[in-house]
Amino acid sequence: MSEWLDDEAGPVVRPYALTRGRTRSSREGFELIAIIATAATSSFAPAGAGPEHLAILEMCVRPLSVAEVSAKMRLPLGVVRVLLGDLLEYGLIAVRRPEPDNRLPNERLLKEVLNGLQAL
C-alpha cells in the first residue's frame, strides 16, 4: 500500500479511482463497528481485485472493525465501504454486524435513576 502514498504530496491515486468512480457499495452499509474477517474460502484473488482489496484480505485475517480497516489503510471510510462491498460480493470476507439493541429500560429502573438524580 505504501507505493500509493507519497508523504509529501499525499495520495498518488485519488479515492474515486480506487472505487472506479463508485461512491456507494452495492451491498447495504457497513457500520463503523461491524467486524470484518477474511473468509476461509479466500485463497484466490478474483479478476478486478486491486491491491487495496488484497491488502484488506491480508489485514482481516485477524478480524477488525470497519473503522480500524479504514484507519490502517489510510483511506476514507466511504472508499473502504465500497471495497468491502466488492469483497463481500466475491465471498471473500465475513461481516459480523452489531446486534440491534431493542431493550428499553423498564419503568422501575427509570424511577430509580430519577430518584438518584433528585437525591443529588
PDB file of N, CA and C in Angstrom:
ATOM      1  N   MET A   1       0.815  -1.190   0.000  1.00  0.00           N
ATOM      2  CA  MET A   1       0.000   0.000   0.000  1.00  0.00           C
ATOM      3  C   MET A   1       0.857   1.252   0.000  1.00  0.00           C
ATOM      4  N   SER A   2       2.095   1.176   0.466  1.00  0.00           N
ATOM      5  CA  SER A   2       2.944   2.356   0.559  1.00  0.00           C
ATOM      6  C   SER A   2       3.269   2.948  -0.806  1.00  0.00           C
ATOM      7  N   GLU A   3       3.222   2.154  -1.891  1.00  0.00           N
ATOM      8  CA  GLU A   3       3.512   2.697  -3.201  1.00  0.00           C
ATOM      9  C   GLU A   3       2.420   3.654  -3.687  1.00  0.00           C
ATOM     10  N   TRP A   4       1.284   3.664  -3.010  1.00  0.00           N
ATOM     11  CA  TRP A   4       0.176   4.530  -3.399  1.00  0.00           C
ATOM     12  C   TRP A   4       0.169   5.831  -2.601  1.00  0.00           C
ATOM     13  N   LEU A   5       1.100   5.970  -1.697  1.00  0.00           N
ATOM     14  CA  LEU A   5       1.155   7.183  -0.880  1.00  0.00           C
ATOM     15  C   LEU A   5       2.514   7.851  -1.023  1.00  0.00           C
ATOM     16  N   ASP A   6       2.488   9.146  -1.016  1.00  0.00           N
ATOM     17  CA  ASP A   6       3.707   9.940  -1.017  1.00  0.00           C
ATOM     18  C   ASP A   6       3.567  10.882   0.172  1.00  0.00           C
ATOM     19  N   ASP A   7       4.440  10.764   1.155  1.00  0.00           N
ATOM     20  CA  ASP A   7       4.301  11.528   2.389  1.00  0.00           C
ATOM     21  C   ASP A   7       4.210  13.030   2.148  1.00  0.00           C
ATOM     22  N   GLU A   8       4.920  13.532   1.167  1.00  0.00           N
ATOM     23  CA  GLU A   8       4.901  14.968   0.922  1.00  0.00           C
ATOM     24  C   GLU A   8       3.696  15.406   0.087  1.00  0.00           C
ATOM     25  N   ALA A   9       3.346  14.625  -0.916  1.00  0.00           N
ATOM     26  CA  ALA A   9       2.284  15.032  -1.840  1.00  0.00           C
ATOM     27  C   ALA A   9       0.920  14.484  -1.451  1.00  0.00           C
ATOM     28  N   GLY A  10       0.876  13.469  -0.592  1.00  0.00           N
ATOM     29  CA  GLY A  10      -0.395  12.849  -0.242  1.00  0.00           C
ATOM     30  C   GLY A  10      -0.676  11.673  -1.161  1.00  0.00           C
ATOM     31  N   PRO A  11      -1.937  11.254  -1.245  1.00  0.00           N
ATOM     32  CA  PRO A  11      -2.268  10.085  -2.068  1.00  0.00           C
ATOM     33  C   PRO A  11      -1.923  10.321  -3.541  1.00  0.00           C
ATOM     34  N   VAL A  12      -1.298   9.332  -4.160  1.00  0.00           N
ATOM     35  CA  VAL A  12      -0.958   9.402  -5.569  1.00  0.00           C
ATOM     36  C   VAL A  12      -2.195   9.075  -6.412  1.00  0.00           C
ATOM     37  N   VAL A  13      -3.021   8.180  -5.922  1.00  0.00           N
ATOM     38  CA  VAL A  13      -4.236   7.778  -6.618  1.00  0.00           C
ATOM     39  C   VAL A  13      -5.430   8.361  -5.875  1.00  0.00           C
ATOM     40  N   ARG A  14      -6.301   9.027  -6.584  1.00  0.00           N
ATOM     41  CA  ARG A  14      -7.479   9.631  -5.978  1.00  0.00           C
ATOM     42  C   ARG A  14      -8.444   8.540  -5.524  1.00  0.00           C
ATOM     43  N   PRO A  15      -9.165   8.778  -4.419  1.00  0.00           N
ATOM     44  CA  PRO A  15     -10.088   7.758  -3.900  1.00  0.00           C
ATOM     45  C   PRO A  15     -11.108   7.260  -4.922  1.00  0.00           C
ATOM     46  N   TYR A  16     -11.628   8.142  -5.769  1.00  0.00           N
ATOM     47  CA  TYR A  16     -12.634   7.689  -6.736  1.00  0.00           C
ATOM     48  C   TYR A  16     -12.037   6.734  -7.770  1.00  0.00           C
ATOM     49  N   ALA A  17     -10.732   6.811  -7.973  1.00  0.00           N
ATOM     50  CA  ALA A  17     -10.088   5.876  -8.894  1.00  0.00           C
ATOM     51  C   ALA A  17     -10.013   4.482  -8.284  1.00  0.00           C
ATOM     52  N   LEU A  18      -9.855   4.397  -6.966  1.00  0.00           N
ATOM     53  CA  LEU A  18      -9.788   3.096  -6.290  1.00  0.00           C
ATOM     54  C   LEU A  18     -11.126   2.368  -6.353  1.00  0.00           C
ATOM     55  N   THR A  19     -12.205   3.140  -6.431  1.00  0.00           N
ATOM     56  CA  THR A  19     -13.556   2.540  -6.437  1.00  0.00           C
ATOM     57  C   THR A  19     -14.183   2.567  -7.825  1.00  0.00           C
ATOM     58  N   ARG A  20     -13.392   2.928  -8.821  1.00  0.00           N
ATOM     59  CA  ARG A  20     -13.875   3.059 -10.206  1.00  0.00           C
ATOM     60  C   ARG A  20     -15.047   4.027 -10.289  1.00  0.00           C
ATOM     61  N   GLY A  21     -14.956   5.103  -9.538  1.00  0.00           N
ATOM     62  CA  GLY A  21     -15.973   6.147  -9.569  1.00  0.00           C
ATOM     63  C   GLY A  21     -17.194   5.887  -8.717  1.00  0.00           C
ATOM     64  N   ARG A  22     -17.266   4.733  -8.088  1.00  0.00           N
ATOM     65  CA  ARG A  22     -18.438   4.415  -7.261  1.00  0.00           C
ATOM     66  C   ARG A  22     -18.323   5.119  -5.914  1.00  0.00           C
ATOM     67  N   THR A  23     -19.456   5.608  -5.440  1.00  0.00           N
ATOM     68  CA  THR A  23     -19.464   6.279  -4.139  1.00  0.00           C
ATOM     69  C   THR A  23     -20.183   5.456  -3.089  1.00  0.00           C
ATOM     70  N   ARG A  24     -20.886   4.425  -3.517  1.00  0.00           N
ATOM     71  CA  ARG A  24     -21.613   3.559  -2.580  1.00  0.00           C
ATOM     72  C   ARG A  24     -21.345   2.101  -2.911  1.00  0.00           C
ATOM     73  N   SER A  25     -21.389   1.289  -1.880  1.00  0.00           N
ATOM     74  CA  SER A  25     -21.241  -0.146  -2.045  1.00  0.00           C
ATOM     75  C   SER A  25     -22.532  -0.711  -2.629  1.00  0.00           C
ATOM     76  N   SER A  26     -22.404  -1.778  -3.388  1.00  0.00           N
ATOM     77  CA  SER A  26     -23.607  -2.430  -3.925  1.00  0.00           C
ATOM     78  C   SER A  26     -24.343  -3.197  -2.825  1.00  0.00           C
ATOM     79  N   ARG A  27     -23.698  -3.365  -1.697  1.00  0.00           N
ATOM     80  CA  ARG A  27     -24.309  -4.019  -0.536  1.00  0.00           C
ATOM     81  C   ARG A  27     -24.777  -2.962   0.438  1.00  0.00           C
ATOM     82  N   GLU A  28     -25.567  -3.401   1.430  1.00  0.00           N
ATOM     83  CA  GLU A  28     -26.012  -2.449   2.440  1.00  0.00           C
ATOM     84  C   GLU A  28     -24.823  -1.908   3.211  1.00  0.00           C
ATOM     85  N   GLY A  29     -25.016  -0.778   3.859  1.00  0.00           N
ATOM     86  CA  GLY A  29     -23.932  -0.088   4.543  1.00  0.00           C
ATOM     87  C   GLY A  29     -23.200  -0.935   5.566  1.00  0.00           C
ATOM     88  N   PHE A  30     -21.954  -0.597   5.751  1.00  0.00           N
ATOM     89  CA  PHE A  30     -21.121  -1.256   6.749  1.00  0.00           C
ATOM     90  C   PHE A  30     -20.995  -0.295   7.924  1.00  0.00           C
ATOM     91  N   GLU A  31     -21.555  -0.668   9.077  1.00  0.00           N
ATOM     92  CA  GLU A  31     -21.456   0.170  10.268  1.00  0.00           C
ATOM     93  C   GLU A  31     -19.988   0.259  10.692  1.00  0.00           C
ATOM     94  N   LEU A  32     -19.649   1.340  11.362  1.00  0.00           N
ATOM     95  CA  LEU A  32     -18.268   1.531  11.805  1.00  0.00           C
ATOM     96  C   LEU A  32     -17.774   0.405  12.697  1.00  0.00           C
ATOM     97  N   ILE A  33     -18.688  -0.164  13.494  1.00  0.00           N
ATOM     98  CA  ILE A  33     -18.257  -1.194  14.448  1.00  0.00           C
ATOM     99  C   ILE A  33     -18.490  -2.612  13.940  1.00  0.00           C
ATOM    100  N   ALA A  34     -18.951  -2.750  12.697  1.00  0.00           N
ATOM    101  CA  ALA A  34     -19.093  -4.091  12.126  1.00  0.00           C
ATOM    102  C   ALA A  34     -17.709  -4.730  12.049  1.00  0.00           C
ATOM    103  N   ILE A  35     -17.636  -6.019  12.331  1.00  0.00           N
ATOM    104  CA  ILE A  35     -16.363  -6.737  12.334  1.00  0.00           C
ATOM    105  C   ILE A  35     -16.183  -7.456  10.999  1.00  0.00           C
ATOM    106  N   ILE A  36     -15.021  -7.241  10.395  1.00  0.00           N
ATOM    107  CA  ILE A  36     -14.692  -7.830   9.095  1.00  0.00           C
ATOM    108  C   ILE A  36     -13.620  -8.890   9.312  1.00  0.00           C
ATOM    109  N   ALA A  37     -13.844 -10.067   8.720  1.00  0.00           N
ATOM    110  CA  ALA A  37     -12.862 -11.145   8.804  1.00  0.00           C
ATOM    111  C   ALA A  37     -12.712 -11.776   7.431  1.00  0.00           C
ATOM    112  N   THR A  38     -11.489 -12.117   7.088  1.00  0.00           N
ATOM    113  CA  THR A  38     -11.232 -12.798   5.836  1.00  0.00           C
ATOM    114  C   THR A  38     -11.881 -14.173   5.904  1.00  0.00           C
ATOM    115  N   ALA A  39     -12.652 -14.511   4.871  1.00  0.00           N
ATOM    116  CA  ALA A  39     -13.336 -15.808   4.838  1.00  0.00           C
ATOM    117  C   ALA A  39     -12.325 -16.916   4.544  1.00  0.00           C
ATOM    118  N   ALA A  40     -12.639 -18.102   5.015  1.00  0.00           N
ATOM    119  CA  ALA A  40     -11.739 -19.244   4.820  1.00  0.00           C
ATOM    120  C   ALA A  40     -11.591 -19.591   3.346  1.00  0.00           C
ATOM    121  N   THR A  41     -12.554 -19.184   2.525  1.00  0.00           N
ATOM    122  CA  THR A  41     -12.532 -19.533   1.105  1.00  0.00           C
ATOM    123  C   THR A  41     -11.779 -18.522   0.251  1.00  0.00           C
ATOM    124  N   SER A  42     -11.077 -17.598   0.867  1.00  0.00           N
ATOM    125  CA  SER A  42     -10.426 -16.529   0.105  1.00  0.00           C
ATOM    126  C   SER A  42      -9.000 -16.883  -0.295  1.00  0.00           C
ATOM    127  N   SER A  43      -8.795 -18.020  -0.930  1.00  0.00           N
ATOM    128  CA  SER A  43      -7.459 -18.432  -1.328  1.00  0.00           C
ATOM    129  C   SER A  43      -7.092 -17.944  -2.727  1.00  0.00           C
ATOM    130  N   PHE A  44      -7.972 -17.184  -3.373  1.00  0.00           N
ATOM    131  CA  PHE A  44      -7.677 -16.671  -4.699  1.00  0.00           C
ATOM    132  C   PHE A  44      -8.095 -15.207  -4.787  1.00  0.00           C
ATOM    133  N   ALA A  45      -7.497 -14.519  -5.725  1.00  0.00           N
ATOM    134  CA  ALA A  45      -7.870 -13.120  -5.966  1.00  0.00           C
ATOM    135  C   ALA A  45      -8.681 -13.071  -7.251  1.00  0.00           C
ATOM    136  N   PRO A  46      -9.923 -12.648  -7.186  1.00  0.00           N
ATOM    137  CA  PRO A  46     -10.760 -12.607  -8.378  1.00  0.00           C
ATOM    138  C   PRO A  46     -10.283 -11.527  -9.355  1.00  0.00           C
ATOM    139  N   ALA A  47     -10.667 -11.675 -10.607  1.00  0.00           N
ATOM    140  CA  ALA A  47     -10.347 -10.662 -11.609  1.00  0.00           C
ATOM    141  C   ALA A  47     -10.962  -9.344 -11.173  1.00  0.00           C
ATOM    142  N   GLY A  48     -10.237  -8.282 -11.318  1.00  0.00           N
ATOM    143  CA  GLY A  48     -10.738  -6.974 -10.929  1.00  0.00           C
ATOM    144  C   GLY A  48     -10.362  -6.570  -9.519  1.00  0.00           C
ATOM    145  N   ALA A  49      -9.793  -7.487  -8.759  1.00  0.00           N
ATOM    146  CA  ALA A  49      -9.371  -7.144  -7.395  1.00  0.00           C
ATOM    147  C   ALA A  49      -8.084  -6.336  -7.470  1.00  0.00           C
ATOM    148  N   GLY A  50      -8.084  -5.197  -6.805  1.00  0.00           N
ATOM    149  CA  GLY A  50      -6.910  -4.341  -6.806  1.00  0.00           C
ATOM    150  C   GLY A  50      -6.039  -4.595  -5.597  1.00  0.00           C
ATOM    151  N   PRO A  51      -4.934  -3.887  -5.507  1.00  0.00           N
ATOM    152  CA  PRO A  51      -4.027  -4.073  -4.370  1.00  0.00           C
ATOM    153  C   PRO A  51      -4.687  -3.713  -3.040  1.00  0.00           C
ATOM    154  N   GLU A  52      -5.651  -2.793  -3.076  1.00  0.00           N
ATOM    155  CA  GLU A  52      -6.356  -2.430  -1.839  1.00  0.00           C
ATOM    156  C   GLU A  52      -7.220  -3.584  -1.353  1.00  0.00           C
ATOM    157  N   HIS A  53      -7.876  -4.269  -2.277  1.00  0.00           N
ATOM    158  CA  HIS A  53      -8.676  -5.445  -1.906  1.00  0.00           C
ATOM    159  C   HIS A  53      -7.787  -6.494  -1.230  1.00  0.00           C
ATOM    160  N   LEU A  54      -6.638  -6.733  -1.853  1.00  0.00           N
ATOM    161  CA  LEU A  54      -5.716  -7.743  -1.317  1.00  0.00           C
ATOM    162  C   LEU A  54      -5.173  -7.330   0.041  1.00  0.00           C
ATOM    163  N   ALA A  55      -4.905  -6.041   0.210  1.00  0.00           N
ATOM    164  CA  ALA A  55      -4.409  -5.549   1.497  1.00  0.00           C
ATOM    165  C   ALA A  55      -5.462  -5.744   2.587  1.00  0.00           C
ATOM    166  N   ILE A  56      -6.725  -5.507   2.256  1.00  0.00           N
ATOM    167  CA  ILE A  56      -7.799  -5.712   3.239  1.00  0.00           C
ATOM    168  C   ILE A  56      -7.897  -7.179   3.613  1.00  0.00           C
ATOM    169  N   LEU A  57      -7.825  -8.072   2.618  1.00  0.00           N
ATOM    170  CA  LEU A  57      -7.892  -9.512   2.907  1.00  0.00           C
ATOM    171  C   LEU A  57      -6.753  -9.935   3.825  1.00  0.00           C
ATOM    172  N   GLU A  58      -5.574  -9.441   3.535  1.00  0.00           N
ATOM    173  CA  GLU A  58      -4.401  -9.778   4.352  1.00  0.00           C
ATOM    174  C   GLU A  58      -4.560  -9.241   5.773  1.00  0.00           C
ATOM    175  N   MET A  59      -5.047  -8.036   5.876  1.00  0.00           N
ATOM    176  CA  MET A  59      -5.202  -7.373   7.169  1.00  0.00           C
ATOM    177  C   MET A  59      -6.278  -8.043   8.028  1.00  0.00           C
ATOM    178  N   CYS A  60      -7.349  -8.498   7.395  1.00  0.00           N
ATOM    179  CA  CYS A  60      -8.504  -9.003   8.143  1.00  0.00           C
ATOM    180  C   CYS A  60      -8.433 -10.496   8.443  1.00  0.00           C
ATOM    181  N   VAL A  61      -7.245 -11.070   8.291  1.00  0.00           N
ATOM    182  CA  VAL A  61      -7.061 -12.445   8.776  1.00  0.00           C
ATOM    183  C   VAL A  61      -7.339 -12.436  10.270  1.00  0.00           C
ATOM    184  N   ARG A  62      -6.919 -11.348  10.913  1.00  0.00           N
ATOM    185  CA  ARG A  62      -7.296 -11.070  12.297  1.00  0.00           C
ATOM    186  C   ARG A  62      -8.452 -10.089  12.210  1.00  0.00           C
ATOM    187  N   PRO A  63      -9.661 -10.475  12.646  1.00  0.00           N
ATOM    188  CA  PRO A  63     -10.841  -9.622  12.465  1.00  0.00           C
ATOM    189  C   PRO A  63     -10.651  -8.203  12.992  1.00  0.00           C
ATOM    190  N   LEU A  64     -11.136  -7.247  12.197  1.00  0.00           N
ATOM    191  CA  LEU A  64     -11.041  -5.829  12.532  1.00  0.00           C
ATOM    192  C   LEU A  64     -12.386  -5.153  12.266  1.00  0.00           C
ATOM    193  N   SER A  65     -12.620  -4.042  12.929  1.00  0.00           N
ATOM    194  CA  SER A  65     -13.820  -3.265  12.651  1.00  0.00           C
ATOM    195  C   SER A  65     -13.613  -2.474  11.356  1.00  0.00           C
ATOM    196  N   VAL A  66     -14.708  -2.023  10.772  1.00  0.00           N
ATOM    197  CA  VAL A  66     -14.644  -1.212   9.559  1.00  0.00           C
ATOM    198  C   VAL A  66     -13.808   0.041   9.819  1.00  0.00           C
ATOM    199  N   ALA A  67     -13.989   0.658  10.974  1.00  0.00           N
ATOM    200  CA  ALA A  67     -13.224   1.860  11.325  1.00  0.00           C
ATOM    201  C   ALA A  67     -11.729   1.550  11.377  1.00  0.00           C
ATOM    202  N   GLU A  68     -11.346   0.409  11.927  1.00  0.00           N
ATOM    203  CA  GLU A  68      -9.931   0.044  12.006  1.00  0.00           C
ATOM    204  C   GLU A  68      -9.351  -0.201  10.619  1.00  0.00           C
ATOM    205  N   VAL A  69     -10.127  -0.846   9.751  1.00  0.00           N
ATOM    206  CA  VAL A  69      -9.660  -1.091   8.384  1.00  0.00           C
ATOM    207  C   VAL A  69      -9.398   0.246   7.692  1.00  0.00           C
ATOM    208  N   SER A  70     -10.330   1.175   7.829  1.00  0.00           N
ATOM    209  CA  SER A  70     -10.187   2.491   7.216  1.00  0.00           C
ATOM    210  C   SER A  70      -8.933   3.202   7.732  1.00  0.00           C
ATOM    211  N   ALA A  71      -8.715   3.155   9.034  1.00  0.00           N
ATOM    212  CA  ALA A  71      -7.553   3.826   9.630  1.00  0.00           C
ATOM    213  C   ALA A  71      -6.252   3.173   9.184  1.00  0.00           C
ATOM    214  N   LYS A  72      -6.197   1.855   9.208  1.00  0.00           N
ATOM    215  CA  LYS A  72      -4.964   1.156   8.841  1.00  0.00           C
ATOM    216  C   LYS A  72      -4.653   1.313   7.353  1.00  0.00           C
ATOM    217  N   MET A  73      -5.691   1.403   6.519  1.00  0.00           N
ATOM    218  CA  MET A  73      -5.491   1.579   5.078  1.00  0.00           C
ATOM    219  C   MET A  73      -5.190   3.034   4.733  1.00  0.00           C
ATOM    220  N   ARG A  74      -5.469   3.928   5.683  1.00  0.00           N
ATOM    221  CA  ARG A  74      -5.305   5.365   5.452  1.00  0.00           C
ATOM    222  C   ARG A  74      -6.132   5.818   4.253  1.00  0.00           C
ATOM    223  N   LEU A  75      -7.369   5.285   4.212  1.00  0.00           N
ATOM    224  CA  LEU A  75      -8.319   5.626   3.156  1.00  0.00           C
ATOM    225  C   LEU A  75      -9.599   6.145   3.784  1.00  0.00           C
ATOM    226  N   PRO A  76     -10.332   7.000   3.065  1.00  0.00           N
ATOM    227  CA  PRO A  76     -11.614   7.481   3.592  1.00  0.00           C
ATOM    228  C   PRO A  76     -12.586   6.325   3.811  1.00  0.00           C
ATOM    229  N   LEU A  77     -13.446   6.499   4.789  1.00  0.00           N
ATOM    230  CA  LEU A  77     -14.408   5.467   5.145  1.00  0.00           C
ATOM    231  C   LEU A  77     -15.285   5.069   3.968  1.00  0.00           C
ATOM    232  N   GLY A  78     -15.728   6.028   3.176  1.00  0.00           N
ATOM    233  CA  GLY A  78     -16.574   5.727   2.017  1.00  0.00           C
ATOM    234  C   GLY A  78     -15.890   4.808   1.027  1.00  0.00           C
ATOM    235  N   VAL A  79     -14.612   5.035   0.796  1.00  0.00           N
ATOM    236  CA  VAL A  79     -13.844   4.195  -0.129  1.00  0.00           C
ATOM    237  C   VAL A  79     -13.733   2.781   0.433  1.00  0.00           C
ATOM    238  N   VAL A  80     -13.436   2.673   1.717  1.00  0.00           N
ATOM    239  CA  VAL A  80     -13.293   1.359   2.344  1.00  0.00           C
ATOM    240  C   VAL A  80     -14.613   0.596   2.279  1.00  0.00           C
ATOM    241  N   ARG A  81     -15.720   1.289   2.484  1.00  0.00           N
ATOM    242  CA  ARG A  81     -17.027   0.624   2.402  1.00  0.00           C
ATOM    243  C   ARG A  81     -17.286   0.058   1.003  1.00  0.00           C
ATOM    244  N   VAL A  82     -16.897   0.781  -0.037  1.00  0.00           N
ATOM    245  CA  VAL A  82     -17.069   0.283  -1.400  1.00  0.00           C
ATOM    246  C   VAL A  82     -16.194  -0.946  -1.622  1.00  0.00           C
ATOM    247  N   LEU A  83     -14.949  -0.877  -1.179  1.00  0.00           N
ATOM    248  CA  LEU A  83     -14.034  -2.015  -1.332  1.00  0.00           C
ATOM    249  C   LEU A  83     -14.530  -3.232  -0.561  1.00  0.00           C
ATOM    250  N   LEU A  84     -15.040  -3.012   0.649  1.00  0.00           N
ATOM    251  CA  LEU A  84     -15.588  -4.119   1.436  1.00  0.00           C
ATOM    252  C   LEU A  84     -16.805  -4.730   0.740  1.00  0.00           C
ATOM    253  N   GLY A  85     -17.626  -3.894   0.117  1.00  0.00           N
ATOM    254  CA  GLY A  85     -18.775  -4.396  -0.635  1.00  0.00           C
ATOM    255  C   GLY A  85     -18.338  -5.312  -1.763  1.00  0.00           C
ATOM    256  N   ASP A  86     -17.259  -4.935  -2.443  1.00  0.00           N
ATOM    257  CA  ASP A  86     -16.715  -5.792  -3.505  1.00  0.00           C
ATOM    258  C   ASP A  86     -16.296  -7.141  -2.938  1.00  0.00           C
ATOM    259  N   LEU A  87     -15.552  -7.099  -1.848  1.00  0.00           N
ATOM    260  CA  LEU A  87     -15.056  -8.344  -1.245  1.00  0.00           C
ATOM    261  C   LEU A  87     -16.199  -9.222  -0.748  1.00  0.00           C
ATOM    262  N   LEU A  88     -17.250  -8.601  -0.234  1.00  0.00           N
ATOM    263  CA  LEU A  88     -18.409  -9.366   0.223  1.00  0.00           C
ATOM    264  C   LEU A  88     -19.110 -10.031  -0.960  1.00  0.00           C
ATOM    265  N   GLU A  89     -19.212  -9.315  -2.071  1.00  0.00           N
ATOM    266  CA  GLU A  89     -19.807  -9.901  -3.280  1.00  0.00           C
ATOM    267  C   GLU A  89     -19.009 -11.091  -3.773  1.00  0.00           C
ATOM    268  N   TYR A  90     -17.680 -11.003  -3.686  1.00  0.00           N
ATOM    269  CA  TYR A  90     -16.813 -12.105  -4.093  1.00  0.00           C
ATOM    270  C   TYR A  90     -16.861 -13.268  -3.106  1.00  0.00           C
ATOM    271  N   GLY A  91     -17.444 -13.042  -1.926  1.00  0.00           N
ATOM    272  CA  GLY A  91     -17.488 -14.072  -0.897  1.00  0.00           C
ATOM    273  C   GLY A  91     -16.171 -14.238  -0.171  1.00  0.00           C
ATOM    274  N   LEU A  92     -15.348 -13.186  -0.169  1.00  0.00           N
ATOM    275  CA  LEU A  92     -14.016 -13.280   0.412  1.00  0.00           C
ATOM    276  C   LEU A  92     -13.919 -12.780   1.846  1.00  0.00           C
ATOM    277  N   ILE A  93     -14.975 -12.141   2.326  1.00  0.00           N
ATOM    278  CA  ILE A  93     -14.984 -11.692   3.716  1.00  0.00           C
ATOM    279  C   ILE A  93     -16.281 -12.112   4.380  1.00  0.00           C
ATOM    280  N   ALA A  94     -16.220 -12.161   5.689  1.00  0.00           N
ATOM    281  CA  ALA A  94     -17.411 -12.382   6.513  1.00  0.00           C
ATOM    282  C   ALA A  94     -17.610 -11.117   7.334  1.00  0.00           C
ATOM    283  N   VAL A  95     -18.868 -10.724   7.478  1.00  0.00           N
ATOM    284  CA  VAL A  95     -19.190  -9.499   8.216  1.00  0.00           C
ATOM    285  C   VAL A  95     -20.053  -9.870   9.400  1.00  0.00           C
ATOM    286  N   ARG A  96     -19.631  -9.445  10.574  1.00  0.00           N
ATOM    287  CA  ARG A  96     -20.434  -9.640  11.785  1.00  0.00           C
ATOM    288  C   ARG A  96     -20.926  -8.266  12.206  1.00  0.00           C
ATOM    289  N   ARG A  97     -22.197  -8.043  11.963  1.00  0.00           N
ATOM    290  CA  ARG A  97     -22.793  -6.742  12.263  1.00  0.00           C
ATOM    291  C   ARG A  97     -23.228  -6.694  13.723  1.00  0.00           C
ATOM    292  N   PRO A  98     -23.245  -5.493  14.290  1.00  0.00           N
ATOM    293  CA  PRO A  98     -23.672  -5.371  15.694  1.00  0.00           C
ATOM    294  C   PRO A  98     -25.142  -5.737  15.843  1.00  0.00           C
ATOM    295  N   GLU A  99     -25.451  -6.348  16.958  1.00  0.00           N
ATOM    296  CA  GLU A  99     -26.837  -6.700  17.257  1.00  0.00           C
ATOM    297  C   GLU A  99     -27.617  -5.432  17.586  1.00  0.00           C
ATOM    298  N   PRO A 100     -28.806  -5.285  17.027  1.00  0.00           N
ATOM    299  CA  PRO A 100     -29.607  -4.112  17.401  1.00  0.00           C
ATOM    300  C   PRO A 100     -30.031  -4.221  18.863  1.00  0.00           C
ATOM    301  N   ASP A 101     -29.939  -3.114  19.546  1.00  0.00           N
ATOM    302  CA  ASP A 101     -30.291  -3.103  20.967  1.00  0.00           C
ATOM    303  C   ASP A 101     -31.716  -2.579  21.110  1.00  0.00           C
ATOM    304  N   ASN A 102     -32.648  -3.507  21.146  1.00  0.00           N
ATOM    305  CA  ASN A 102     -34.062  -3.138  21.248  1.00  0.00           C
ATOM    306  C   ASN A 102     -34.552  -3.110  22.687  1.00  0.00           C
ATOM    307  N   ARG A 103     -33.644  -3.346  23.618  1.00  0.00           N
ATOM    308  CA  ARG A 103     -34.052  -3.373  25.015  1.00  0.00           C
ATOM    309  C   ARG A 103     -34.224  -1.956  25.533  1.00  0.00           C
ATOM    310  N   LEU A 104     -35.370  -1.662  26.019  1.00  0.00           N
ATOM    311  CA  LEU A 104     -35.622  -0.364  26.636  1.00  0.00           C
ATOM    312  C   LEU A 104     -35.582  -0.534  28.150  1.00  0.00           C
ATOM    313  N   PRO A 105     -35.103   0.476  28.849  1.00  0.00           N
ATOM    314  CA  PRO A 105     -35.072   0.356  30.309  1.00  0.00           C
ATOM    315  C   PRO A 105     -36.503   0.261  30.843  1.00  0.00           C
ATOM    316  N   ASN A 106     -36.667  -0.557  31.869  1.00  0.00           N
ATOM    317  CA  ASN A 106     -38.016  -0.701  32.427  1.00  0.00           C
ATOM    318  C   ASN A 106     -38.349   0.485  33.338  1.00  0.00           C
ATOM    319  N   GLU A 107     -39.599   0.595  33.693  1.00  0.00           N
ATOM    320  CA  GLU A 107     -40.083   1.736  34.471  1.00  0.00           C
ATOM    321  C   GLU A 107     -39.417   1.821  35.839  1.00  0.00           C
ATOM    322  N   ARG A 108     -39.186   0.674  36.468  1.00  0.00           N
ATOM    323  CA  ARG A 108     -38.576   0.653  37.790  1.00  0.00           C
ATOM    324  C   ARG A 108     -37.170   1.251  37.731  1.00  0.00           C
ATOM    325  N   LEU A 109     -36.400   0.890  36.724  1.00  0.00           N
ATOM    326  CA  LEU A 109     -35.049   1.408  36.580  1.00  0.00           C
ATOM    327  C   LEU A 109     -35.067   2.920  36.354  1.00  0.00           C
ATOM    328  N   LEU A 110     -35.974   3.382  35.531  1.00  0.00           N
ATOM    329  CA  LEU A 110     -36.073   4.820  35.282  1.00  0.00           C
ATOM    330  C   LEU A 110     -36.432   5.585  36.552  1.00  0.00           C
ATOM    331  N   LYS A 111     -37.320   5.019  37.366  1.00  0.00           N
ATOM    332  CA  LYS A 111     -37.693   5.666  38.633  1.00  0.00           C
ATOM    333  C   LYS A 111     -36.498   5.729  39.580  1.00  0.00           C
ATOM    334  N   GLU A 112     -35.713   4.655  39.626  1.00  0.00           N
ATOM    335  CA  GLU A 112     -34.535   4.634  40.489  1.00  0.00           C
ATOM    336  C   GLU A 112     -33.523   5.685  40.042  1.00  0.00           C
ATOM    337  N   VAL A 113     -33.334   5.833  38.751  1.00  0.00           N
ATOM    338  CA  VAL A 113     -32.416   6.848  38.233  1.00  0.00           C
ATOM    339  C   VAL A 113     -32.926   8.237  38.592  1.00  0.00           C
ATOM    340  N   LEU A 114     -34.219   8.464  38.403  1.00  0.00           N
ATOM    341  CA  LEU A 114     -34.803   9.754  38.713  1.00  0.00           C
ATOM    342  C   LEU A 114     -34.664  10.072  40.202  1.00  0.00           C
ATOM    343  N   ASN A 115     -34.940   9.083  41.057  1.00  0.00           N
ATOM    344  CA  ASN A 115     -34.784   9.280  42.498  1.00  0.00           C
ATOM    345  C   ASN A 115     -33.336   9.586  42.865  1.00  0.00           C
ATOM    346  N   GLY A 116     -32.408   8.896  42.212  1.00  0.00           N
ATOM    347  CA  GLY A 116     -30.988   9.133  42.476  1.00  0.00           C
ATOM    348  C   GLY A 116     -30.578  10.535  42.069  1.00  0.00           C
ATOM    349  N   LEU A 117     -31.070  10.995  40.936  1.00  0.00           N
ATOM    350  CA  LEU A 117     -30.763  12.353  40.482  1.00  0.00           C
ATOM    351  C   LEU A 117     -31.362  13.403  41.403  1.00  0.00           C
ATOM    352  N   GLN A 118     -32.582  13.155  41.875  1.00  0.00           N
ATOM    353  CA  GLN A 118     -33.217  14.101  42.784  1.00  0.00           C
ATOM    354  C   GLN A 118     -32.506  14.148  44.121  1.00  0.00           C
ATOM    355  N   ALA A 119     -31.915  13.045  44.523  1.00  0.00           N
ATOM    356  CA  ALA A 119     -31.205  12.992  45.794  1.00  0.00           C
ATOM    357  C   ALA A 119     -29.908  13.802  45.750  1.00  0.00           C
ATOM    358  N   LEU A 120     -29.418  14.065  44.594  1.00  0.00           N
ATOM    359  CA  LEU A 120     -28.174  14.857  44.481  1.00  0.00           C
ATOM    360  C   LEU A 120     -28.471  16.252  44.841  1.00  0.00           C
TER     361      LEU A 120
END
